[in-house]
C-alpha atoms as a PDB file:
ATOM      1  CA  UNK A   1     131.246  67.604  13.470  1.00  0.00           C
ATOM      2  CA  UNK A   2     127.929  66.322  12.192  1.00  0.00           C
ATOM      3  CA  UNK A   3     126.214  63.136  13.152  1.00  0.00           C
ATOM      4  CA  UNK A   4     123.050  61.221  12.389  1.00  0.00           C
ATOM      5  CA  UNK A   5     121.826  58.337  14.524  1.00  0.00           C
ATOM      6  CA  UNK A   6     119.383  55.927  12.900  1.00  0.00           C
ATOM      7  CA  UNK A   7     116.578  53.915  14.436  1.00  0.00           C
ATOM      8  CA  UNK A   8     114.509  51.819  12.048  1.00  0.00           C
ATOM      9  CA  UNK A   9     110.861  51.191  12.914  1.00  0.00           C
ATOM     10  CA  UNK A  10     108.354  49.217  10.823  1.00  0.00           C
ATOM     11  CA  UNK A  11     104.780  50.296  11.476  1.00  0.00           C
ATOM     12  CA  UNK A  12     101.245  49.930  10.117  1.00  0.00           C
ATOM     13  CA  UNK A  13     100.096  52.624   7.723  1.00  0.00           C
ATOM     14  CA  UNK A  14      97.004  54.019   9.443  1.00  0.00           C
ATOM     15  CA  UNK A  15      96.303  55.611  12.812  1.00  0.00           C
ATOM     16  CA  UNK A  16      99.779  55.859  14.222  1.00  0.00           C
ATOM     17  CA  UNK A  17     101.523  58.068  16.734  1.00  0.00           C
ATOM     18  CA  UNK A  18     105.197  57.562  17.566  1.00  0.00           C
ATOM     19  CA  UNK A  19     107.767  59.494  19.544  1.00  0.00           C
ATOM     20  CA  UNK A  20     111.336  59.192  18.299  1.00  0.00           C
ATOM     21  CA  UNK A  21     114.214  60.045  20.594  1.00  0.00           C
ATOM     22  CA  UNK A  22     117.490  61.712  19.639  1.00  0.00           C
ATOM     23  CA  UNK A  23     117.078  60.903  15.969  1.00  0.00           C
ATOM     24  CA  UNK A  24     115.450  58.209  13.915  1.00  0.00           C
ATOM     25  CA  UNK A  25     114.074  56.682  10.780  1.00  0.00           C
ATOM     26  CA  UNK A  26     110.367  56.002  10.410  1.00  0.00           C
ATOM     27  CA  UNK A  27     109.583  53.637   7.535  1.00  0.00           C
ATOM     28  CA  UNK A  28     106.065  53.641   6.090  1.00  0.00           C
ATOM     29  CA  UNK A  29     104.834  52.151   2.842  1.00  0.00           C
ATOM     30  CA  UNK A  30     102.639  55.149   2.013  1.00  0.00           C
ATOM     31  CA  UNK A  31     105.256  57.829   2.670  1.00  0.00           C
ATOM     32  CA  UNK A  32     105.665  58.719  -0.998  1.00  0.00           C
ATOM     33  CA  UNK A  33     101.940  59.489  -1.233  1.00  0.00           C
ATOM     34  CA  UNK A  34     102.422  62.354   1.234  1.00  0.00           C
ATOM     35  CA  UNK A  35     104.575  64.349  -1.189  1.00  0.00           C
ATOM     36  CA  UNK A  36     102.360  67.244  -2.237  1.00  0.00           C
ATOM     37  CA  UNK A  37     103.172  70.876  -1.510  1.00  0.00           C
ATOM     38  CA  UNK A  38     106.282  72.209   0.226  1.00  0.00           C
ATOM     39  CA  UNK A  39     106.320  71.388   3.938  1.00  0.00           C
ATOM     40  CA  UNK A  40     108.101  72.753   6.986  1.00  0.00           C
ATOM     41  CA  UNK A  41     110.426  69.935   8.075  1.00  0.00           C
ATOM     42  CA  UNK A  42     112.797  71.586  10.564  1.00  0.00           C
ATOM     43  CA  UNK A  43     115.262  74.387  11.217  1.00  0.00           C
ATOM     44  CA  UNK A  44     118.788  75.502  10.392  1.00  0.00           C
ATOM     45  CA  UNK A  45     120.071  77.511  13.364  1.00  0.00           C
ATOM     46  CA  UNK A  46     122.679  80.226  12.860  1.00  0.00           C
ATOM     47  CA  UNK A  47     124.312  82.841  15.065  1.00  0.00           C
ATOM     48  CA  UNK A  48     124.159  85.432  12.271  1.00  0.00           C
ATOM     49  CA  UNK A  49     121.510  86.571   9.813  1.00  0.00           C
ATOM     50  CA  UNK A  50     121.308  84.115   6.924  1.00  0.00           C
ATOM     51  CA  UNK A  51     121.635  86.102   3.700  1.00  0.00           C
ATOM     52  CA  UNK A  52     120.120  84.730   0.508  1.00  0.00           C
ATOM     53  CA  UNK A  53     121.837  84.851  -2.904  1.00  0.00           C
ATOM     54  CA  UNK A  54     120.920  87.861  -5.017  1.00  0.00           C
ATOM     55  CA  UNK A  55     117.432  87.483  -6.429  1.00  0.00           C
ATOM     56  CA  UNK A  56     116.754  84.256  -4.528  1.00  0.00           C
ATOM     57  CA  UNK A  57     114.591  83.505  -1.482  1.00  0.00           C
ATOM     58  CA  UNK A  58     116.069  80.106  -0.596  1.00  0.00           C
ATOM     59  CA  UNK A  59     119.247  78.032  -0.497  1.00  0.00           C
ATOM     60  CA  UNK A  60     118.998  74.373  -1.517  1.00  0.00           C
ATOM     61  CA  UNK A  61     120.812  71.602   0.319  1.00  0.00           C
ATOM     62  CA  UNK A  62     123.110  69.098  -1.334  1.00  0.00           C
ATOM     63  CA  UNK A  63     121.309  66.041   0.000  1.00  0.00           C
ATOM     64  CA  UNK A  64     120.997  67.077   3.643  1.00  0.00           C
ATOM     65  CA  UNK A  65     124.091  69.355   3.699  1.00  0.00           C
ATOM     66  CA  UNK A  66     124.029  73.137   3.391  1.00  0.00           C
ATOM     67  CA  UNK A  67     127.508  73.414   1.918  1.00  0.00           C
ATOM     68  CA  UNK A  68     129.373  76.590   2.794  1.00  0.00           C
ATOM     69  CA  UNK A  69     126.941  77.581   5.539  1.00  0.00           C
ATOM     70  CA  UNK A  70     127.760  77.469   9.256  1.00  0.00           C
ATOM     71  CA  UNK A  71     124.903  76.394  11.485  1.00  0.00           C
ATOM     72  CA  UNK A  72     123.055  73.613  13.283  1.00  0.00           C
ATOM     73  CA  UNK A  73     120.759  71.310  11.348  1.00  0.00           C
ATOM     74  CA  UNK A  74     117.705  69.613  12.779  1.00  0.00           C
ATOM     75  CA  UNK A  75     115.030  68.376  10.384  1.00  0.00           C
ATOM     76  CA  UNK A  76     112.765  65.404   9.707  1.00  0.00           C
ATOM     77  CA  UNK A  77     112.525  64.696   5.980  1.00  0.00           C
ATOM     78  CA  UNK A  78     111.026  62.206   3.575  1.00  0.00           C
ATOM     79  CA  UNK A  79     113.717  60.059   1.947  1.00  0.00           C
ATOM     80  CA  UNK A  80     113.707  57.245  -0.593  1.00  0.00           C
ATOM     81  CA  UNK A  81     116.029  54.369  -1.398  1.00  0.00           C
ATOM     82  CA  UNK A  82     115.847  50.983  -3.058  1.00  0.00           C
ATOM     83  CA  UNK A  83     113.787  49.613  -0.162  1.00  0.00           C
ATOM     84  CA  UNK A  84     111.108  52.314  -0.274  1.00  0.00           C
ATOM     85  CA  UNK A  85     110.174  55.588   1.397  1.00  0.00           C
ATOM     86  CA  UNK A  86     110.827  56.635   4.971  1.00  0.00           C
ATOM     87  CA  UNK A  87     111.077  59.675   7.230  1.00  0.00           C
ATOM     88  CA  UNK A  88     114.530  60.335   8.719  1.00  0.00           C
ATOM     89  CA  UNK A  89     115.973  62.838  11.179  1.00  0.00           C
ATOM     90  CA  UNK A  90     119.125  64.756  10.345  1.00  0.00           C
ATOM     91  CA  UNK A  91     120.674  66.559  13.335  1.00  0.00           C
ATOM     92  CA  UNK A  92     124.042  67.940  14.378  1.00  0.00           C
ATOM     93  CA  UNK A  93     125.576  67.085  17.746  1.00  0.00           C
ATOM     94  CA  UNK A  94     124.903  70.532  19.240  1.00  0.00           C
ATOM     95  CA  UNK A  95     121.151  69.917  18.919  1.00  0.00           C
ATOM     96  CA  UNK A  96     120.604  68.165  22.255  1.00  0.00           C
ATOM     97  CA  UNK A  97     117.550  66.511  23.841  1.00  0.00           C
ATOM     98  CA  UNK A  98     115.967  66.010  20.446  1.00  0.00           C
ATOM     99  CA  UNK A  99     112.393  64.745  20.280  1.00  0.00           C
ATOM    100  CA  UNK A 100     110.171  63.974  17.295  1.00  0.00           C
ATOM    101  CA  UNK A 101     106.473  63.111  17.463  1.00  0.00           C
ATOM    102  CA  UNK A 102     104.977  61.829  14.219  1.00  0.00           C
ATOM    103  CA  UNK A 103     101.166  61.591  14.250  1.00  0.00           C
ATOM    104  CA  UNK A 104      99.248  60.154  11.307  1.00  0.00           C
ATOM    105  CA  UNK A 105      95.633  59.179  10.737  1.00  0.00           C
ATOM    106  CA  UNK A 106      93.060  59.020   7.930  1.00  0.00           C
ATOM    107  CA  UNK A 107      92.547  62.786   8.242  1.00  0.00           C
ATOM    108  CA  UNK A 108      96.188  63.779   7.852  1.00  0.00           C
ATOM    109  CA  UNK A 109      99.527  63.983   9.580  1.00  0.00           C
ATOM    110  CA  UNK A 110     101.435  66.172  12.018  1.00  0.00           C
ATOM    111  CA  UNK A 111     105.119  66.315  12.916  1.00  0.00           C
ATOM    112  CA  UNK A 112     106.254  67.930  16.181  1.00  0.00           C
ATOM    113  CA  UNK A 113     109.950  68.491  16.879  1.00  0.00           C
ATOM    114  CA  UNK A 114     111.793  69.912  19.866  1.00  0.00           C
ATOM    115  CA  UNK A 115     115.462  70.399  20.741  1.00  0.00           C
ATOM    116  CA  UNK A 116     117.635  72.193  23.288  1.00  0.00           C
ATOM    117  CA  UNK A 117     120.823  74.224  22.885  1.00  0.00           C
ATOM    118  CA  UNK A 118     123.114  74.519  25.916  1.00  0.00           C
ATOM    119  CA  UNK A 119     125.144  77.728  26.180  1.00  0.00           C
ATOM    120  CA  UNK A 120     128.181  78.321  28.366  1.00  0.00           C
ATOM    121  CA  UNK A 121     127.579  81.097  30.908  1.00  0.00           C
ATOM    122  CA  UNK A 122     129.444  84.236  29.834  1.00  0.00           C
ATOM    123  CA  UNK A 123     128.889  88.023  29.841  1.00  0.00           C
ATOM    124  CA  UNK A 124     126.450  89.472  27.334  1.00  0.00           C
ATOM    125  CA  UNK A 125     123.788  87.917  25.147  1.00  0.00           C
ATOM    126  CA  UNK A 126     123.687  85.260  22.453  1.00  0.00           C
ATOM    127  CA  UNK A 127     121.731  85.815  19.243  1.00  0.00           C
ATOM    128  CA  UNK A 128     120.088  82.884  17.503  1.00  0.00           C
ATOM    129  CA  UNK A 129     118.419  82.894  14.092  1.00  0.00           C
ATOM    130  CA  UNK A 130     115.798  80.220  13.518  1.00  0.00           C
ATOM    131  CA  UNK A 131     115.820  79.636   9.755  1.00  0.00           C
ATOM    132  CA  UNK A 132     112.966  77.410   8.516  1.00  0.00           C
ATOM    133  CA  UNK A 133     113.812  74.339   6.440  1.00  0.00           C
ATOM    134  CA  UNK A 134     111.245  73.072   3.931  1.00  0.00           C
ATOM    135  CA  UNK A 135     111.036  70.051   1.655  1.00  0.00           C
ATOM    136  CA  UNK A 136     109.427  70.385  -1.741  1.00  0.00           C
ATOM    137  CA  UNK A 137     107.201  67.851  -3.434  1.00  0.00           C
ATOM    138  CA  UNK A 138     110.125  66.454  -5.417  1.00  0.00           C
ATOM    139  CA  UNK A 139     112.144  65.826  -2.233  1.00  0.00           C
ATOM    140  CA  UNK A 140     114.499  68.830  -2.439  1.00  0.00           C
ATOM    141  CA  UNK A 141     115.441  70.433   0.893  1.00  0.00           C
ATOM    142  CA  UNK A 142     115.943  74.179   1.214  1.00  0.00           C
ATOM    143  CA  UNK A 143     116.387  76.847   3.892  1.00  0.00           C
ATOM    144  CA  UNK A 144     115.020  80.389   4.040  1.00  0.00           C
ATOM    145  CA  UNK A 145     115.895  83.389   6.179  1.00  0.00           C
ATOM    146  CA  UNK A 146     114.299  83.287   9.621  1.00  0.00           C
ATOM    147  CA  UNK A 147     113.755  85.523  12.612  1.00  0.00           C
ATOM    148  CA  UNK A 148     116.322  86.127  15.338  1.00  0.00           C
ATOM    149  CA  UNK A 149     116.079  86.020  19.118  1.00  0.00           C
ATOM    150  CA  UNK A 150     118.438  87.093  21.904  1.00  0.00           C
ATOM    151  CA  UNK A 151     119.149  85.176  25.102  1.00  0.00           C
ATOM    152  CA  UNK A 152     121.066  86.685  28.058  1.00  0.00           C
ATOM    153  CA  UNK A 153     124.006  84.449  28.959  1.00  0.00           C
ATOM    154  CA  UNK A 154     125.203  86.189  32.141  1.00  0.00           C
ATOM    155  CA  UNK A 155     123.461  83.832  34.568  1.00  0.00           C
ATOM    156  CA  UNK A 156     123.430  80.037  34.739  1.00  0.00           C
ATOM    157  CA  UNK A 157     119.847  78.798  34.686  1.00  0.00           C
ATOM    158  CA  UNK A 158     118.658  81.437  32.215  1.00  0.00           C
ATOM    159  CA  UNK A 159     116.274  79.958  29.629  1.00  0.00           C
ATOM    160  CA  UNK A 160     114.578  81.053  26.437  1.00  0.00           C
ATOM    161  CA  UNK A 161     112.541  79.378  23.725  1.00  0.00           C
ATOM    162  CA  UNK A 162     111.149  80.063  20.281  1.00  0.00           C
ATOM    163  CA  UNK A 163     109.057  78.060  17.859  1.00  0.00           C
ATOM    164  CA  UNK A 164     107.859  77.761  14.267  1.00  0.00           C
ATOM    165  CA  UNK A 165     104.653  76.151  13.040  1.00  0.00           C
ATOM    166  CA  UNK A 166     102.866  75.608   9.764  1.00  0.00           C
ATOM    167  CA  UNK A 167      99.467  74.101   9.003  1.00  0.00           C
ATOM    168  CA  UNK A 168      97.686  73.433   5.721  1.00  0.00           C
ATOM    169  CA  UNK A 169      94.747  71.480   4.338  1.00  0.00           C
ATOM    170  CA  UNK A 170      94.033  69.889   0.982  1.00  0.00           C
ATOM    171  CA  UNK A 171      90.546  68.994  -0.280  1.00  0.00           C
ATOM    172  CA  UNK A 172      90.209  66.240  -2.866  1.00  0.00           C
ATOM    173  CA  UNK A 173      86.559  65.849  -3.759  1.00  0.00           C
ATOM    174  CA  UNK A 174      84.723  65.377  -0.467  1.00  0.00           C
ATOM    175  CA  UNK A 175      87.836  64.474   1.524  1.00  0.00           C
ATOM    176  CA  UNK A 176      89.948  67.069   3.318  1.00  0.00           C
ATOM    177  CA  UNK A 177      93.343  66.167   4.708  1.00  0.00           C
ATOM    178  CA  UNK A 178      95.409  68.320   7.041  1.00  0.00           C
ATOM    179  CA  UNK A 179      99.165  68.600   7.401  1.00  0.00           C
ATOM    180  CA  UNK A 180     100.917  70.305  10.277  1.00  0.00           C
ATOM    181  CA  UNK A 181     104.478  70.784  11.462  1.00  0.00           C
ATOM    182  CA  UNK A 182     106.054  72.574  14.425  1.00  0.00           C
ATOM    183  CA  UNK A 183     109.587  73.046  15.733  1.00  0.00           C
ATOM    184  CA  UNK A 184     110.447  74.320  19.211  1.00  0.00           C
ATOM    185  CA  UNK A 185     113.971  75.378  20.167  1.00  0.00           C
ATOM    186  CA  UNK A 186     114.933  75.789  23.822  1.00  0.00           C
ATOM    187  CA  UNK A 187     118.071  77.591  24.993  1.00  0.00           C
ATOM    188  CA  UNK A 188     119.544  76.907  28.443  1.00  0.00           C
ATOM    189  CA  UNK A 189     122.524  78.695  29.981  1.00  0.00           C
ATOM    190  CA  UNK A 190     124.731  76.499  32.169  1.00  0.00           C
ATOM    191  CA  UNK A 191     128.213  76.416  33.657  1.00  0.00           C
ATOM    192  CA  UNK A 192     130.158  74.099  31.409  1.00  0.00           C
ATOM    193  CA  UNK A 193     132.625  71.760  33.151  1.00  0.00           C
ATOM    194  CA  UNK A 194     136.391  72.020  32.905  1.00  0.00           C
ATOM    195  CA  UNK A 195     136.917  68.340  33.740  1.00  0.00           C
ATOM    196  CA  UNK A 196     134.923  65.246  34.737  1.00  0.00           C
ATOM    197  CA  UNK A 197     135.435  62.512  37.360  1.00  0.00           C
ATOM    198  CA  UNK A 198     133.551  59.203  37.329  1.00  0.00           C
ATOM    199  CA  UNK A 199     133.383  57.562  40.771  1.00  0.00           C
ATOM    200  CA  UNK A 200     132.123  54.027  41.419  1.00  0.00           C
ATOM    201  CA  UNK A 201     130.826  52.967  44.849  1.00  0.00           C
ATOM    202  CA  UNK A 202     129.724  49.615  46.270  1.00  0.00           C
ATOM    203  CA  UNK A 203     126.592  48.927  48.336  1.00  0.00           C
ATOM    204  CA  UNK A 204     128.472  49.923  51.514  1.00  0.00           C
ATOM    205  CA  UNK A 205     129.315  53.335  50.001  1.00  0.00           C
ATOM    206  CA  UNK A 206     132.994  52.451  49.681  1.00  0.00           C
ATOM    207  CA  UNK A 207     134.860  53.938  46.707  1.00  0.00           C
ATOM    208  CA  UNK A 208     135.796  51.223  44.190  1.00  0.00           C
ATOM    209  CA  UNK A 209     137.321  53.240  41.380  1.00  0.00           C
ATOM    210  CA  UNK A 210     137.921  56.786  40.211  1.00  0.00           C
ATOM    211  CA  UNK A 211     138.596  58.043  36.679  1.00  0.00           C
ATOM    212  CA  UNK A 212     139.305  61.623  35.598  1.00  0.00           C
ATOM    213  CA  UNK A 213     138.806  62.983  32.088  1.00  0.00           C
ATOM    214  CA  UNK A 214     139.036  66.157  30.103  1.00  0.00           C
ATOM    215  CA  UNK A 215     135.532  67.013  28.909  1.00  0.00           C
ATOM    216  CA  UNK A 216     136.310  66.020  25.305  1.00  0.00           C
ATOM    217  CA  UNK A 217     137.786  62.672  26.372  1.00  0.00           C
ATOM    218  CA  UNK A 218     134.889  61.116  28.306  1.00  0.00           C
ATOM    219  CA  UNK A 219     134.450  57.652  26.699  1.00  0.00           C
ATOM    220  CA  UNK A 220     131.367  56.538  24.826  1.00  0.00           C
ATOM    221  CA  UNK A 221     130.868  53.619  27.230  1.00  0.00           C
ATOM    222  CA  UNK A 222     132.137  52.358  30.565  1.00  0.00           C
ATOM    223  CA  UNK A 223     132.187  48.911  32.204  1.00  0.00           C
ATOM    224  CA  UNK A 224     131.598  49.316  35.941  1.00  0.00           C
ATOM    225  CA  UNK A 225     133.114  46.859  38.375  1.00  0.00           C
ATOM    226  CA  UNK A 226     130.793  43.949  39.215  1.00  0.00           C
ATOM    227  CA  UNK A 227     130.620  45.257  42.807  1.00  0.00           C
ATOM    228  CA  UNK A 228     129.528  48.747  41.757  1.00  0.00           C
ATOM    229  CA  UNK A 229     126.134  49.697  43.186  1.00  0.00           C
ATOM    230  CA  UNK A 230     126.025  53.290  41.948  1.00  0.00           C
ATOM    231  CA  UNK A 231     128.086  55.905  40.125  1.00  0.00           C
ATOM    232  CA  UNK A 232     128.641  59.577  40.892  1.00  0.00           C
ATOM    233  CA  UNK A 233     129.777  61.916  38.135  1.00  0.00           C
ATOM    234  CA  UNK A 234     131.561  65.024  39.341  1.00  0.00           C
ATOM    235  CA  UNK A 235     131.855  67.973  36.971  1.00  0.00           C
ATOM    236  CA  UNK A 236     134.473  70.535  37.977  1.00  0.00           C
ATOM    237  CA  UNK A 237     133.097  73.949  37.042  1.00  0.00           C
ATOM    238  CA  UNK A 238     134.821  77.311  36.762  1.00  0.00           C
ATOM    239  CA  UNK A 239     135.782  78.692  40.178  1.00  0.00           C
ATOM    240  CA  UNK A 240     136.475  75.169  41.491  1.00  0.00           C
ATOM    241  CA  UNK A 241     132.826  74.457  42.293  1.00  0.00           C
ATOM    242  CA  UNK A 242     131.658  70.868  41.735  1.00  0.00           C
ATOM    243  CA  UNK A 243     128.382  69.580  40.361  1.00  0.00           C
ATOM    244  CA  UNK A 244     127.454  65.962  41.183  1.00  0.00           C
ATOM    245  CA  UNK A 245     125.021  63.583  39.485  1.00  0.00           C
ATOM    246  CA  UNK A 246     123.982  60.143  40.796  1.00  0.00           C
ATOM    247  CA  UNK A 247     123.497  57.150  38.469  1.00  0.00           C
ATOM    248  CA  UNK A 248     122.077  53.817  39.603  1.00  0.00           C
ATOM    249  CA  UNK A 249     121.783  50.389  37.984  1.00  0.00           C
ATOM    250  CA  UNK A 250     118.472  51.366  36.394  1.00  0.00           C
ATOM    251  CA  UNK A 251     120.257  54.071  34.381  1.00  0.00           C
ATOM    252  CA  UNK A 252     121.532  53.106  30.935  1.00  0.00           C
ATOM    253  CA  UNK A 253     123.560  56.257  30.263  1.00  0.00           C
ATOM    254  CA  UNK A 254     125.376  59.009  32.109  1.00  0.00           C
ATOM    255  CA  UNK A 255     125.521  62.522  30.695  1.00  0.00           C
ATOM    256  CA  UNK A 256     128.322  65.078  30.525  1.00  0.00           C
ATOM    257  CA  UNK A 257     129.030  68.269  28.583  1.00  0.00           C
ATOM    258  CA  UNK A 258     131.964  69.189  26.387  1.00  0.00           C
ATOM    259  CA  UNK A 259     132.933  72.444  24.773  1.00  0.00           C
ATOM    260  CA  UNK A 260     132.042  73.637  21.297  1.00  0.00           C
ATOM    261  CA  UNK A 261     132.568  76.738  19.194  1.00  0.00           C
ATOM    262  CA  UNK A 262     131.243  80.146  20.283  1.00  0.00           C
ATOM    263  CA  UNK A 263     130.206  78.972  23.735  1.00  0.00           C
ATOM    264  CA  UNK A 264     127.804  76.280  22.556  1.00  0.00           C
ATOM    265  CA  UNK A 265     128.085  73.073  24.607  1.00  0.00           C
ATOM    266  CA  UNK A 266     127.544  69.500  23.470  1.00  0.00           C
ATOM    267  CA  UNK A 267     125.642  67.089  25.701  1.00  0.00           C
ATOM    268  CA  UNK A 268     127.270  63.672  25.514  1.00  0.00           C
ATOM    269  CA  UNK A 269     125.927  60.299  26.596  1.00  0.00           C
ATOM    270  CA  UNK A 270     128.135  57.503  27.926  1.00  0.00           C
ATOM    271  CA  UNK A 271     126.628  54.013  27.918  1.00  0.00           C
ATOM    272  CA  UNK A 272     126.858  52.246  31.277  1.00  0.00           C
ATOM    273  CA  UNK A 273     127.446  48.537  30.643  1.00  0.00           C
ATOM    274  CA  UNK A 274     126.417  47.158  34.036  1.00  0.00           C
END
């Protein structure tokens, strides 16, 4: 399943630096002026080597979809509609903890992206190919073959990371402008839960309510009892061990994990409507 969450932000044109969370849209009046040469805008992550068609060095997207290809998208591209130009994030649900920093000034711009993949602990190693995604000056999006990395998945807590970066400069008369882009991908190995319990407690530590869910059935929001002071989420792991997380009234969301194909886990957020 693929998803794209949109956050619309109106901002001044010059001297800006914004951090977008899971995904977003950044609307700027001068965005179309930034279309020059091809730019690194993100990654398309695959578990196998991405072969190119015969005689070709790239595969173009249909809009933001790489039809017929299996992988995880995460990129920050320049888009246009009837209201103008804007930058927008496209990301699949397996790309967790997404972060985008967009930095712009008179001297140029830089886009920094980071995401995390959570892998279920299991024997062996997991191979990840980090295929760069570029956007051409006419707005077309394409992917090219990237390098692979291996991450041991035998032990919970194992981590690995890899990154891509690209920098360029353009001189127009006496003025030189720079453009930079980087993408960092983190991999974390964890014990995925088999089921989840949500427990509500009052200020005297008495249990108010208890709800049990399969990992794929945890709701998108919950309405705690008016007497609830805090919530504990219990994740039942393999081997009947339990992991507990505490959430208080300052927390807006609770987080759980559900299963995905080939051992890749999806981090889910449940809104807490205190």
